[in-house]
Amino acid sequence: MENRYVSHPNDVKTFDTARLREEFLIESLFAPDELVTVYSHVDRYIVGSAVPASREIKLEVNLKDIGTDFFLERREIGIINIGAAGIVTADGEKYEIGAFECLYVSLGTKEVSFASGGSEPAKFYFVSTPAHKAYPTTKATKEDATPSHLGDIKTSNERTIYKYIHQGGIQSCQLVMGITELAPGNMWNTMPSHTHNRRSEVYLYFNLPEDAVVFHFMGEPQETKHLVMRDGQVAISPSWSIHSGVGTSNYTFCWAMAGENQTFDDMDAVAMKDLK
């Protein structure tokens, strides 16, 4: 498991492009027939993927990395499939997970595995956070996520938000997770930007054409920086950082949050005039 450590905003001001990418960008996440995991000391996320191309993949890590007897002994996990239909098995119970569907797996679940449901592989993306209580393992479809249509083509941010794991949906200890899908011809997300000093966030960008990029903006509002990101890459966003992006085409991104609360709209807005 790769480790990413916490960086102070005063130190980040001095980072060049290579150091910024090393600390905050997960560049290679999806690999056929491999479990890929990254441990972020920002709110102790584990971000990972499983692409079962020719075999079943088990949710296993070096237990020394997390100090428990099994992965979900003291953790919860949210899983979203961004590929073809697949199957997640949790302590013997099989869940068919289609594209853009979500499965929350409870603290205390001892065995979790990933498999594809047909000739094309599923692409499971997951985020795990520490947990203190066992909420039920629950599946949600796009329809269950009560889609919210926001934005306007005039401001290039017409989009649909699907909330899966949140206070009004799948219950969890601290994990909040969902997907935002930009309509064709729209490129901007989360602008005007914001911070939320009580929570951090991770962004997975996907459904990007091969030659397209997203400029993901981060940093303190008066000291902004950016990461150039491509399909299937993840940005780690500390609580003090903005998290906005603009692409060379429309795209989809998965957001996951953890911290002091689960209030989706708990954010400190940054006025456009204050950005530097």
C-alpha atoms as a PDB file:
ATOM      1  CA  MET A   1       0.000   0.000   0.000  1.00  0.00           C
ATOM      2  CA  GLU A   2       1.334   3.389  -0.990  1.00  0.00           C
ATOM      3  CA  ASN A   3       1.362   6.059   1.730  1.00  0.00           C
ATOM      4  CA  ARG A   4       0.628   9.775   1.326  1.00  0.00           C
ATOM      5  CA  TYR A   5       1.376  12.067   4.246  1.00  0.00           C
ATOM      6  CA  VAL A   6      -0.133  15.339   5.470  1.00  0.00           C
ATOM      7  CA  SER A   7       1.313  18.583   4.097  1.00  0.00           C
ATOM      8  CA  HIS A   8       1.075  22.011   5.742  1.00  0.00           C
ATOM      9  CA  PRO A   9      -0.283  24.764   3.442  1.00  0.00           C
ATOM     10  CA  ASN A  10       2.774  26.927   4.110  1.00  0.00           C
ATOM     11  CA  ASP A  11       4.982  24.127   2.818  1.00  0.00           C
ATOM     12  CA  VAL A  12       2.782  23.504  -0.217  1.00  0.00           C
ATOM     13  CA  LYS A  13       3.406  27.094  -1.346  1.00  0.00           C
ATOM     14  CA  THR A  14       6.982  26.039  -2.135  1.00  0.00           C
ATOM     15  CA  PHE A  15       6.145  22.851  -4.071  1.00  0.00           C
ATOM     16  CA  ASP A  16       7.047  22.653  -7.755  1.00  0.00           C
ATOM     17  CA  THR A  17       4.863  20.720 -10.215  1.00  0.00           C
ATOM     18  CA  ALA A  18       6.583  17.375  -9.610  1.00  0.00           C
ATOM     19  CA  ARG A  19       6.290  17.632  -5.805  1.00  0.00           C
ATOM     20  CA  LEU A  20       2.659  18.762  -6.016  1.00  0.00           C
ATOM     21  CA  ARG A  21       1.784  15.721  -8.143  1.00  0.00           C
ATOM     22  CA  GLU A  22       3.768  13.407  -5.874  1.00  0.00           C
ATOM     23  CA  GLU A  23       1.843  14.525  -2.788  1.00  0.00           C
ATOM     24  CA  PHE A  24      -1.713  15.074  -4.066  1.00  0.00           C
ATOM     25  CA  LEU A  25      -2.208  13.137  -7.325  1.00  0.00           C
ATOM     26  CA  ILE A  26      -2.886   9.408  -7.576  1.00  0.00           C
ATOM     27  CA  GLU A  27      -1.742   8.942 -11.146  1.00  0.00           C
ATOM     28  CA  SER A  28      -2.038   5.175 -11.740  1.00  0.00           C
ATOM     29  CA  LEU A  29      -4.983   3.585 -10.000  1.00  0.00           C
ATOM     30  CA  PHE A  30      -6.786   1.108 -12.271  1.00  0.00           C
ATOM     31  CA  ALA A  31      -4.808  -2.010 -13.246  1.00  0.00           C
ATOM     32  CA  PRO A  32      -6.248  -5.296 -14.616  1.00  0.00           C
ATOM     33  CA  ASP A  33      -6.425  -8.131 -12.063  1.00  0.00           C
ATOM     34  CA  GLU A  34      -4.791  -6.053  -9.325  1.00  0.00           C
ATOM     35  CA  LEU A  35      -5.953  -4.506  -6.080  1.00  0.00           C
ATOM     36  CA  VAL A  36      -4.416  -1.015  -5.954  1.00  0.00           C
ATOM     37  CA  THR A  37      -4.560   0.922  -2.666  1.00  0.00           C
ATOM     38  CA  VAL A  38      -3.285   4.294  -1.473  1.00  0.00           C
ATOM     39  CA  TYR A  39      -3.357   5.287   2.206  1.00  0.00           C
ATOM     40  CA  SER A  40      -3.785   9.015   2.796  1.00  0.00           C
ATOM     41  CA  HIS A  41      -3.019  10.357   6.251  1.00  0.00           C
ATOM     42  CA  VAL A  42      -5.461  13.173   5.457  1.00  0.00           C
ATOM     43  CA  ASP A  43      -8.441  11.824   7.487  1.00  0.00           C
ATOM     44  CA  ARG A  44      -6.953   8.328   6.999  1.00  0.00           C
ATOM     45  CA  TYR A  45      -8.638   7.506   3.716  1.00  0.00           C
ATOM     46  CA  ILE A  46      -7.781   4.349   1.849  1.00  0.00           C
ATOM     47  CA  VAL A  47      -8.452   4.970  -1.847  1.00  0.00           C
ATOM     48  CA  GLY A  48      -8.341   2.012  -4.183  1.00  0.00           C
ATOM     49  CA  SER A  49      -9.507   0.063  -7.184  1.00  0.00           C
ATOM     50  CA  ALA A  50     -10.162  -3.466  -8.376  1.00  0.00           C
ATOM     51  CA  VAL A  51     -10.450  -4.383 -12.061  1.00  0.00           C
ATOM     52  CA  PRO A  52     -11.220  -8.143 -12.185  1.00  0.00           C
ATOM     53  CA  ALA A  53     -10.353  -8.857 -15.834  1.00  0.00           C
ATOM     54  CA  SER A  54      -9.665 -12.602 -15.609  1.00  0.00           C
ATOM     55  CA  ARG A  55      -9.993 -13.474 -11.936  1.00  0.00           C
ATOM     56  CA  GLU A  56     -11.733 -12.576  -8.702  1.00  0.00           C
ATOM     57  CA  ILE A  57      -9.900 -10.009  -6.561  1.00  0.00           C
ATOM     58  CA  LYS A  58     -10.006 -10.039  -2.772  1.00  0.00           C
ATOM     59  CA  LEU A  59      -9.954  -6.925  -0.582  1.00  0.00           C
ATOM     60  CA  GLU A  60      -6.681  -7.666   1.183  1.00  0.00           C
ATOM     61  CA  VAL A  61      -3.769  -5.531   2.317  1.00  0.00           C
ATOM     62  CA  ASN A  62      -0.714  -5.949   4.501  1.00  0.00           C
ATOM     63  CA  LEU A  63      -2.483  -5.814   7.860  1.00  0.00           C
ATOM     64  CA  LYS A  64       0.541  -4.132   9.428  1.00  0.00           C
ATOM     65  CA  ASP A  65      -0.418  -1.053   7.371  1.00  0.00           C
ATOM     66  CA  ILE A  66      -3.748  -0.692   9.180  1.00  0.00           C
ATOM     67  CA  GLY A  67      -3.087  -2.500  12.463  1.00  0.00           C
ATOM     68  CA  THR A  68      -6.123  -4.811  12.420  1.00  0.00           C
ATOM     69  CA  ASP A  69      -6.880  -8.482  11.764  1.00  0.00           C
ATOM     70  CA  PHE A  70      -8.910  -7.790   8.596  1.00  0.00           C
ATOM     71  CA  PHE A  71      -9.541  -4.800   6.349  1.00  0.00           C
ATOM     72  CA  LEU A  72     -12.961  -3.735   7.660  1.00  0.00           C
ATOM     73  CA  GLU A  73     -12.417  -4.584  11.325  1.00  0.00           C
ATOM     74  CA  ARG A  74     -12.396  -0.858  12.163  1.00  0.00           C
ATOM     75  CA  ARG A  75     -13.346   0.611   8.784  1.00  0.00           C
ATOM     76  CA  GLU A  76     -16.273   1.150   6.425  1.00  0.00           C
ATOM     77  CA  ILE A  77     -16.065   1.265   2.635  1.00  0.00           C
ATOM     78  CA  GLY A  78     -17.961   2.783  -0.272  1.00  0.00           C
ATOM     79  CA  ILE A  79     -17.628   1.101  -3.679  1.00  0.00           C
ATOM     80  CA  ILE A  80     -18.752   2.558  -7.016  1.00  0.00           C
ATOM     81  CA  ASN A  81     -18.519   0.652 -10.296  1.00  0.00           C
ATOM     82  CA  ILE A  82     -17.431   2.802 -13.259  1.00  0.00           C
ATOM     83  CA  GLY A  83     -17.063  -0.121 -15.696  1.00  0.00           C
ATOM     84  CA  ALA A  84     -19.144  -3.041 -16.945  1.00  0.00           C
ATOM     85  CA  ALA A  85     -21.466  -5.007 -14.663  1.00  0.00           C
ATOM     86  CA  GLY A  86     -19.782  -6.718 -11.743  1.00  0.00           C
ATOM     87  CA  ILE A  87     -20.329  -8.598  -8.507  1.00  0.00           C
ATOM     88  CA  VAL A  88     -19.157  -7.708  -5.006  1.00  0.00           C
ATOM     89  CA  THR A  89     -19.317 -10.505  -2.440  1.00  0.00           C
ATOM     90  CA  ALA A  90     -19.409  -9.460   1.227  1.00  0.00           C
ATOM     91  CA  ASP A  91     -19.216 -12.307   3.777  1.00  0.00           C
ATOM     92  CA  GLY A  92     -20.838 -14.680   1.289  1.00  0.00           C
ATOM     93  CA  GLU A  93     -23.623 -12.312   0.165  1.00  0.00           C
ATOM     94  CA  LYS A  94     -23.420 -11.451  -3.539  1.00  0.00           C
ATOM     95  CA  TYR A  95     -24.388  -7.994  -4.816  1.00  0.00           C
ATOM     96  CA  GLU A  96     -24.715  -7.306  -8.535  1.00  0.00           C
ATOM     97  CA  ILE A  97     -23.296  -3.832  -9.119  1.00  0.00           C
ATOM     98  CA  GLY A  98     -23.904  -2.199 -12.488  1.00  0.00           C
ATOM     99  CA  ALA A  99     -22.289   0.905 -13.935  1.00  0.00           C
ATOM    100  CA  PHE A 100     -22.705   3.967 -11.694  1.00  0.00           C
ATOM    101  CA  GLU A 101     -24.114   1.830  -8.886  1.00  0.00           C
ATOM    102  CA  CYS A 102     -22.825   1.983  -5.322  1.00  0.00           C
ATOM    103  CA  LEU A 103     -22.352  -0.515  -2.517  1.00  0.00           C
ATOM    104  CA  TYR A 104     -21.636   0.477   1.073  1.00  0.00           C
ATOM    105  CA  VAL A 105     -20.052  -2.366   3.063  1.00  0.00           C
ATOM    106  CA  SER A 106     -20.305  -2.352   6.830  1.00  0.00           C
ATOM    107  CA  LEU A 107     -17.669  -2.271   9.522  1.00  0.00           C
ATOM    108  CA  GLY A 108     -17.014  -5.816  10.727  1.00  0.00           C
ATOM    109  CA  THR A 109     -17.353  -7.497   7.314  1.00  0.00           C
ATOM    110  CA  LYS A 110     -14.531 -10.009   7.189  1.00  0.00           C
ATOM    111  CA  GLU A 111     -14.335 -10.998   3.523  1.00  0.00           C
ATOM    112  CA  VAL A 112     -14.944  -8.835   0.459  1.00  0.00           C
ATOM    113  CA  SER A 113     -14.184  -9.794  -3.141  1.00  0.00           C
ATOM    114  CA  PHE A 114     -14.698  -8.292  -6.589  1.00  0.00           C
ATOM    115  CA  ALA A 115     -15.634 -10.073  -9.820  1.00  0.00           C
ATOM    116  CA  SER A 116     -16.847  -9.122 -13.284  1.00  0.00           C
ATOM    117  CA  GLY A 117     -20.294 -10.142 -14.479  1.00  0.00           C
ATOM    118  CA  GLY A 118     -19.515 -10.728 -18.167  1.00  0.00           C
ATOM    119  CA  SER A 119     -16.850 -10.548 -20.851  1.00  0.00           C
ATOM    120  CA  GLU A 120     -16.077  -6.891 -20.157  1.00  0.00           C
ATOM    121  CA  PRO A 121     -14.419  -6.146 -16.797  1.00  0.00           C
ATOM    122  CA  ALA A 122     -16.013  -4.170 -14.010  1.00  0.00           C
ATOM    123  CA  LYS A 123     -13.984  -1.216 -12.687  1.00  0.00           C
ATOM    124  CA  PHE A 124     -14.536  -0.877  -8.975  1.00  0.00           C
ATOM    125  CA  TYR A 125     -13.422   2.336  -7.290  1.00  0.00           C
ATOM    126  CA  PHE A 126     -13.542   2.457  -3.504  1.00  0.00           C
ATOM    127  CA  VAL A 127     -12.906   4.785  -0.604  1.00  0.00           C
ATOM    128  CA  SER A 128     -12.600   3.517   2.965  1.00  0.00           C
ATOM    129  CA  THR A 129     -12.574   5.514   6.197  1.00  0.00           C
ATOM    130  CA  PRO A 130     -12.322   4.626   9.904  1.00  0.00           C
ATOM    131  CA  ALA A 131     -15.666   3.714  11.502  1.00  0.00           C
ATOM    132  CA  HIS A 132     -17.063   3.270  15.006  1.00  0.00           C
ATOM    133  CA  LYS A 133     -20.463   1.680  14.319  1.00  0.00           C
ATOM    134  CA  ALA A 134     -21.797  -1.021  12.004  1.00  0.00           C
ATOM    135  CA  TYR A 135     -24.394   0.331   9.567  1.00  0.00           C
ATOM    136  CA  PRO A 136     -26.081  -2.151   7.194  1.00  0.00           C
ATOM    137  CA  THR A 137     -24.372  -3.148   3.972  1.00  0.00           C
ATOM    138  CA  THR A 138     -26.521  -1.385   1.362  1.00  0.00           C
ATOM    139  CA  LYS A 139     -26.674  -1.080  -2.435  1.00  0.00           C
ATOM    140  CA  ALA A 140     -27.915   2.012  -4.309  1.00  0.00           C
ATOM    141  CA  THR A 141     -28.617   2.571  -8.012  1.00  0.00           C
ATOM    142  CA  LYS A 142     -28.519   5.904  -9.861  1.00  0.00           C
ATOM    143  CA  GLU A 143     -32.277   6.166  -9.378  1.00  0.00           C
ATOM    144  CA  ASP A 144     -31.936   5.555  -5.624  1.00  0.00           C
ATOM    145  CA  ALA A 145     -29.489   8.466  -5.480  1.00  0.00           C
ATOM    146  CA  THR A 146     -32.289  10.986  -6.216  1.00  0.00           C
ATOM    147  CA  PRO A 147     -30.504  12.854  -9.032  1.00  0.00           C
ATOM    148  CA  SER A 148     -30.252  16.636  -8.637  1.00  0.00           C
ATOM    149  CA  HIS A 149     -29.949  18.707 -11.825  1.00  0.00           C
ATOM    150  CA  LEU A 150     -27.970  21.915 -11.303  1.00  0.00           C
ATOM    151  CA  GLY A 151     -26.074  24.593 -13.195  1.00  0.00           C
ATOM    152  CA  ASP A 152     -26.528  26.168 -16.603  1.00  0.00           C
ATOM    153  CA  ILE A 153     -24.951  25.867 -20.037  1.00  0.00           C
ATOM    154  CA  LYS A 154     -24.408  29.645 -19.877  1.00  0.00           C
ATOM    155  CA  THR A 155     -21.854  29.131 -17.100  1.00  0.00           C
ATOM    156  CA  SER A 156     -20.533  25.830 -18.513  1.00  0.00           C
ATOM    157  CA  ASN A 157     -21.564  23.852 -15.417  1.00  0.00           C
ATOM    158  CA  GLU A 158     -24.833  22.071 -16.230  1.00  0.00           C
ATOM    159  CA  ARG A 159     -24.573  18.862 -14.249  1.00  0.00           C
ATOM    160  CA  THR A 160     -26.369  16.062 -12.407  1.00  0.00           C
ATOM    161  CA  ILE A 161     -25.377  15.129  -8.850  1.00  0.00           C
ATOM    162  CA  TYR A 162     -25.983  11.613  -7.524  1.00  0.00           C
ATOM    163  CA  LYS A 163     -25.662  11.351  -3.729  1.00  0.00           C
ATOM    164  CA  TYR A 164     -25.178   7.758  -2.596  1.00  0.00           C
ATOM    165  CA  ILE A 165     -23.691   7.726   0.897  1.00  0.00           C
ATOM    166  CA  HIS A 166     -24.969  10.712   2.872  1.00  0.00           C
ATOM    167  CA  GLN A 167     -27.374  11.688   5.638  1.00  0.00           C
ATOM    168  CA  GLY A 168     -30.453  11.274   3.432  1.00  0.00           C
ATOM    169  CA  GLY A 169     -29.289   8.093   1.700  1.00  0.00           C
ATOM    170  CA  ILE A 170     -27.041   5.180   2.646  1.00  0.00           C
ATOM    171  CA  GLN A 171     -26.075   5.626   6.283  1.00  0.00           C
ATOM    172  CA  SER A 172     -22.421   5.568   7.372  1.00  0.00           C
ATOM    173  CA  CYS A 173     -20.210   6.678  10.232  1.00  0.00           C
ATOM    174  CA  GLN A 174     -18.341   9.452   8.435  1.00  0.00           C
ATOM    175  CA  LEU A 175     -18.005   8.594   4.742  1.00  0.00           C
ATOM    176  CA  VAL A 176     -19.952  10.738   2.239  1.00  0.00           C
ATOM    177  CA  MET A 177     -19.782   9.675  -1.406  1.00  0.00           C
ATOM    178  CA  GLY A 178     -21.383  10.337  -4.757  1.00  0.00           C
ATOM    179  CA  ILE A 179     -20.952  11.197  -8.434  1.00  0.00           C
ATOM    180  CA  THR A 180     -21.293  14.398 -10.448  1.00  0.00           C
ATOM    181  CA  GLU A 181     -21.874  14.051 -14.196  1.00  0.00           C
ATOM    182  CA  LEU A 182     -21.361  17.066 -16.442  1.00  0.00           C
ATOM    183  CA  ALA A 183     -23.635  17.460 -19.447  1.00  0.00           C
ATOM    184  CA  PRO A 184     -22.050  17.645 -22.938  1.00  0.00           C
ATOM    185  CA  GLY A 185     -20.567  21.073 -23.600  1.00  0.00           C
ATOM    186  CA  ASN A 186     -20.005  21.750 -19.890  1.00  0.00           C
ATOM    187  CA  MET A 187     -16.557  21.785 -18.319  1.00  0.00           C
ATOM    188  CA  TRP A 188     -16.547  23.515 -14.909  1.00  0.00           C
ATOM    189  CA  ASN A 189     -17.121  21.966 -11.488  1.00  0.00           C
ATOM    190  CA  THR A 190     -17.445  23.589  -8.074  1.00  0.00           C
ATOM    191  CA  MET A 191     -16.938  27.176  -9.161  1.00  0.00           C
ATOM    192  CA  PRO A 192     -17.243  29.488  -7.294  1.00  0.00           C
ATOM    193  CA  SER A 193     -15.021  27.331  -5.134  1.00  0.00           C
ATOM    194  CA  HIS A 194     -15.072  26.642  -1.418  1.00  0.00           C
ATOM    195  CA  THR A 195     -13.185  25.015   1.409  1.00  0.00           C
ATOM    196  CA  HIS A 196     -14.525  23.061   4.390  1.00  0.00           C
ATOM    197  CA  ASN A 197     -12.069  23.103   7.225  1.00  0.00           C
ATOM    198  CA  ARG A 198     -14.006  20.359   8.971  1.00  0.00           C
ATOM    199  CA  ARG A 199     -13.698  17.790   6.165  1.00  0.00           C
ATOM    200  CA  SER A 200     -11.296  16.691   3.461  1.00  0.00           C
ATOM    201  CA  GLU A 201     -12.171  15.238   0.063  1.00  0.00           C
ATOM    202  CA  VAL A 202     -10.895  13.013  -2.737  1.00  0.00           C
ATOM    203  CA  TYR A 203     -11.863  13.448  -6.406  1.00  0.00           C
ATOM    204  CA  LEU A 204     -11.779  10.722  -9.075  1.00  0.00           C
ATOM    205  CA  TYR A 205     -12.085  12.092 -12.619  1.00  0.00           C
ATOM    206  CA  PHE A 206     -13.313   9.640 -15.268  1.00  0.00           C
ATOM    207  CA  ASN A 207     -15.261   9.328 -18.530  1.00  0.00           C
ATOM    208  CA  LEU A 208     -12.635  11.567 -20.117  1.00  0.00           C
ATOM    209  CA  PRO A 209     -11.539  11.076 -23.744  1.00  0.00           C
ATOM    210  CA  GLU A 210      -7.980   9.784 -24.110  1.00  0.00           C
ATOM    211  CA  ASP A 211      -6.619  13.119 -25.298  1.00  0.00           C
ATOM    212  CA  ALA A 212      -8.580  15.254 -22.787  1.00  0.00           C
ATOM    213  CA  VAL A 213      -7.361  16.710 -19.503  1.00  0.00           C
ATOM    214  CA  VAL A 214      -8.858  18.330 -16.417  1.00  0.00           C
ATOM    215  CA  PHE A 215      -7.107  21.219 -14.711  1.00  0.00           C
ATOM    216  CA  HIS A 216      -7.854  20.543 -11.036  1.00  0.00           C
ATOM    217  CA  PHE A 217      -7.360  23.667  -8.931  1.00  0.00           C
ATOM    218  CA  MET A 218      -6.186  23.314  -5.345  1.00  0.00           C
ATOM    219  CA  GLY A 219      -4.426  25.254  -2.602  1.00  0.00           C
ATOM    220  CA  GLU A 220      -5.495  28.057  -0.306  1.00  0.00           C
ATOM    221  CA  PRO A 221      -7.905  30.504  -1.977  1.00  0.00           C
ATOM    222  CA  GLN A 222      -5.224  33.216  -2.144  1.00  0.00           C
ATOM    223  CA  GLU A 223      -2.451  30.797  -3.156  1.00  0.00           C
ATOM    224  CA  THR A 224      -3.975  28.539  -5.810  1.00  0.00           C
ATOM    225  CA  LYS A 225      -2.132  25.839  -7.732  1.00  0.00           C
ATOM    226  CA  HIS A 226      -3.268  23.193 -10.187  1.00  0.00           C
ATOM    227  CA  LEU A 227      -2.860  19.568 -11.171  1.00  0.00           C
ATOM    228  CA  VAL A 228      -3.198  18.442 -14.793  1.00  0.00           C
ATOM    229  CA  MET A 229      -5.258  15.250 -14.579  1.00  0.00           C
ATOM    230  CA  ARG A 230      -6.364  12.530 -16.980  1.00  0.00           C
ATOM    231  CA  ASP A 231      -8.971   9.792 -17.083  1.00  0.00           C
ATOM    232  CA  GLY A 232      -9.036   7.573 -13.985  1.00  0.00           C
ATOM    233  CA  GLN A 233      -6.818   9.766 -11.796  1.00  0.00           C
ATOM    234  CA  VAL A 234      -7.520  10.966  -8.251  1.00  0.00           C
ATOM    235  CA  ALA A 235      -6.798  14.237  -6.453  1.00  0.00           C
ATOM    236  CA  ILE A 236      -6.441  14.332  -2.665  1.00  0.00           C
ATOM    237  CA  SER A 237      -7.894  17.590  -1.312  1.00  0.00           C
ATOM    238  CA  PRO A 238      -6.969  18.620   2.250  1.00  0.00           C
ATOM    239  CA  SER A 239      -9.502  20.575   4.306  1.00  0.00           C
ATOM    240  CA  TRP A 240      -7.703  23.907   3.745  1.00  0.00           C
ATOM    241  CA  SER A 241      -7.695  23.538  -0.038  1.00  0.00           C
ATOM    242  CA  ILE A 242     -10.170  24.565  -2.695  1.00  0.00           C
ATOM    243  CA  HIS A 243     -11.199  21.809  -5.136  1.00  0.00           C
ATOM    244  CA  SER A 244     -12.457  22.998  -8.501  1.00  0.00           C
ATOM    245  CA  GLY A 245     -11.772  21.871 -12.017  1.00  0.00           C
ATOM    246  CA  VAL A 246     -12.198  22.644 -15.694  1.00  0.00           C
ATOM    247  CA  GLY A 247     -11.764  20.163 -18.506  1.00  0.00           C
ATOM    248  CA  THR A 248     -11.108  20.226 -22.223  1.00  0.00           C
ATOM    249  CA  SER A 249     -14.378  18.270 -22.550  1.00  0.00           C
ATOM    250  CA  ASN A 250     -17.200  17.229 -20.263  1.00  0.00           C
ATOM    251  CA  TYR A 251     -16.408  14.484 -17.744  1.00  0.00           C
ATOM    252  CA  THR A 252     -17.683  12.723 -14.635  1.00  0.00           C
ATOM    253  CA  PHE A 253     -16.154  12.766 -11.189  1.00  0.00           C
ATOM    254  CA  CYS A 254     -16.670  10.805  -7.987  1.00  0.00           C
ATOM    255  CA  TRP A 255     -16.366  12.762  -4.759  1.00  0.00           C
ATOM    256  CA  ALA A 256     -15.814  11.307  -1.316  1.00  0.00           C
ATOM    257  CA  MET A 257     -15.565  13.209   1.962  1.00  0.00           C
ATOM    258  CA  ALA A 258     -14.717  12.450   5.568  1.00  0.00           C
ATOM    259  CA  GLY A 259     -14.175  14.480   8.712  1.00  0.00           C
ATOM    260  CA  GLU A 260     -16.097  16.104  11.549  1.00  0.00           C
ATOM    261  CA  ASN A 261     -19.580  15.894  10.004  1.00  0.00           C
ATOM    262  CA  GLN A 262     -21.618  14.567   7.071  1.00  0.00           C
ATOM    263  CA  THR A 263     -23.453  17.775   6.158  1.00  0.00           C
ATOM    264  CA  PHE A 264     -23.193  17.958   2.369  1.00  0.00           C
ATOM    265  CA  ASP A 265     -23.522  21.741   2.162  1.00  0.00           C
ATOM    266  CA  ASP A 266     -21.173  22.520   5.071  1.00  0.00           C
ATOM    267  CA  MET A 267     -18.723  24.644   3.124  1.00  0.00           C
ATOM    268  CA  ASP A 268     -16.998  28.008   3.369  1.00  0.00           C
ATOM    269  CA  ALA A 269     -17.655  29.798   0.103  1.00  0.00           C
ATOM    270  CA  VAL A 270     -14.846  31.733  -1.580  1.00  0.00           C
ATOM    271  CA  ALA A 271     -15.902  34.826  -3.510  1.00  0.00           C
ATOM    272  CA  MET A 272     -14.602  34.999  -7.072  1.00  0.00           C
ATOM    273  CA  LYS A 273     -12.915  38.334  -6.276  1.00  0.00           C
ATOM    274  CA  ASP A 274     -10.902  36.699  -3.478  1.00  0.00           C
ATOM    275  CA  LEU A 275      -9.279  33.990  -5.608  1.00  0.00           C
ATOM    276  CA  LYS A 276      -5.619  34.515  -6.471  1.00  0.00           C
END
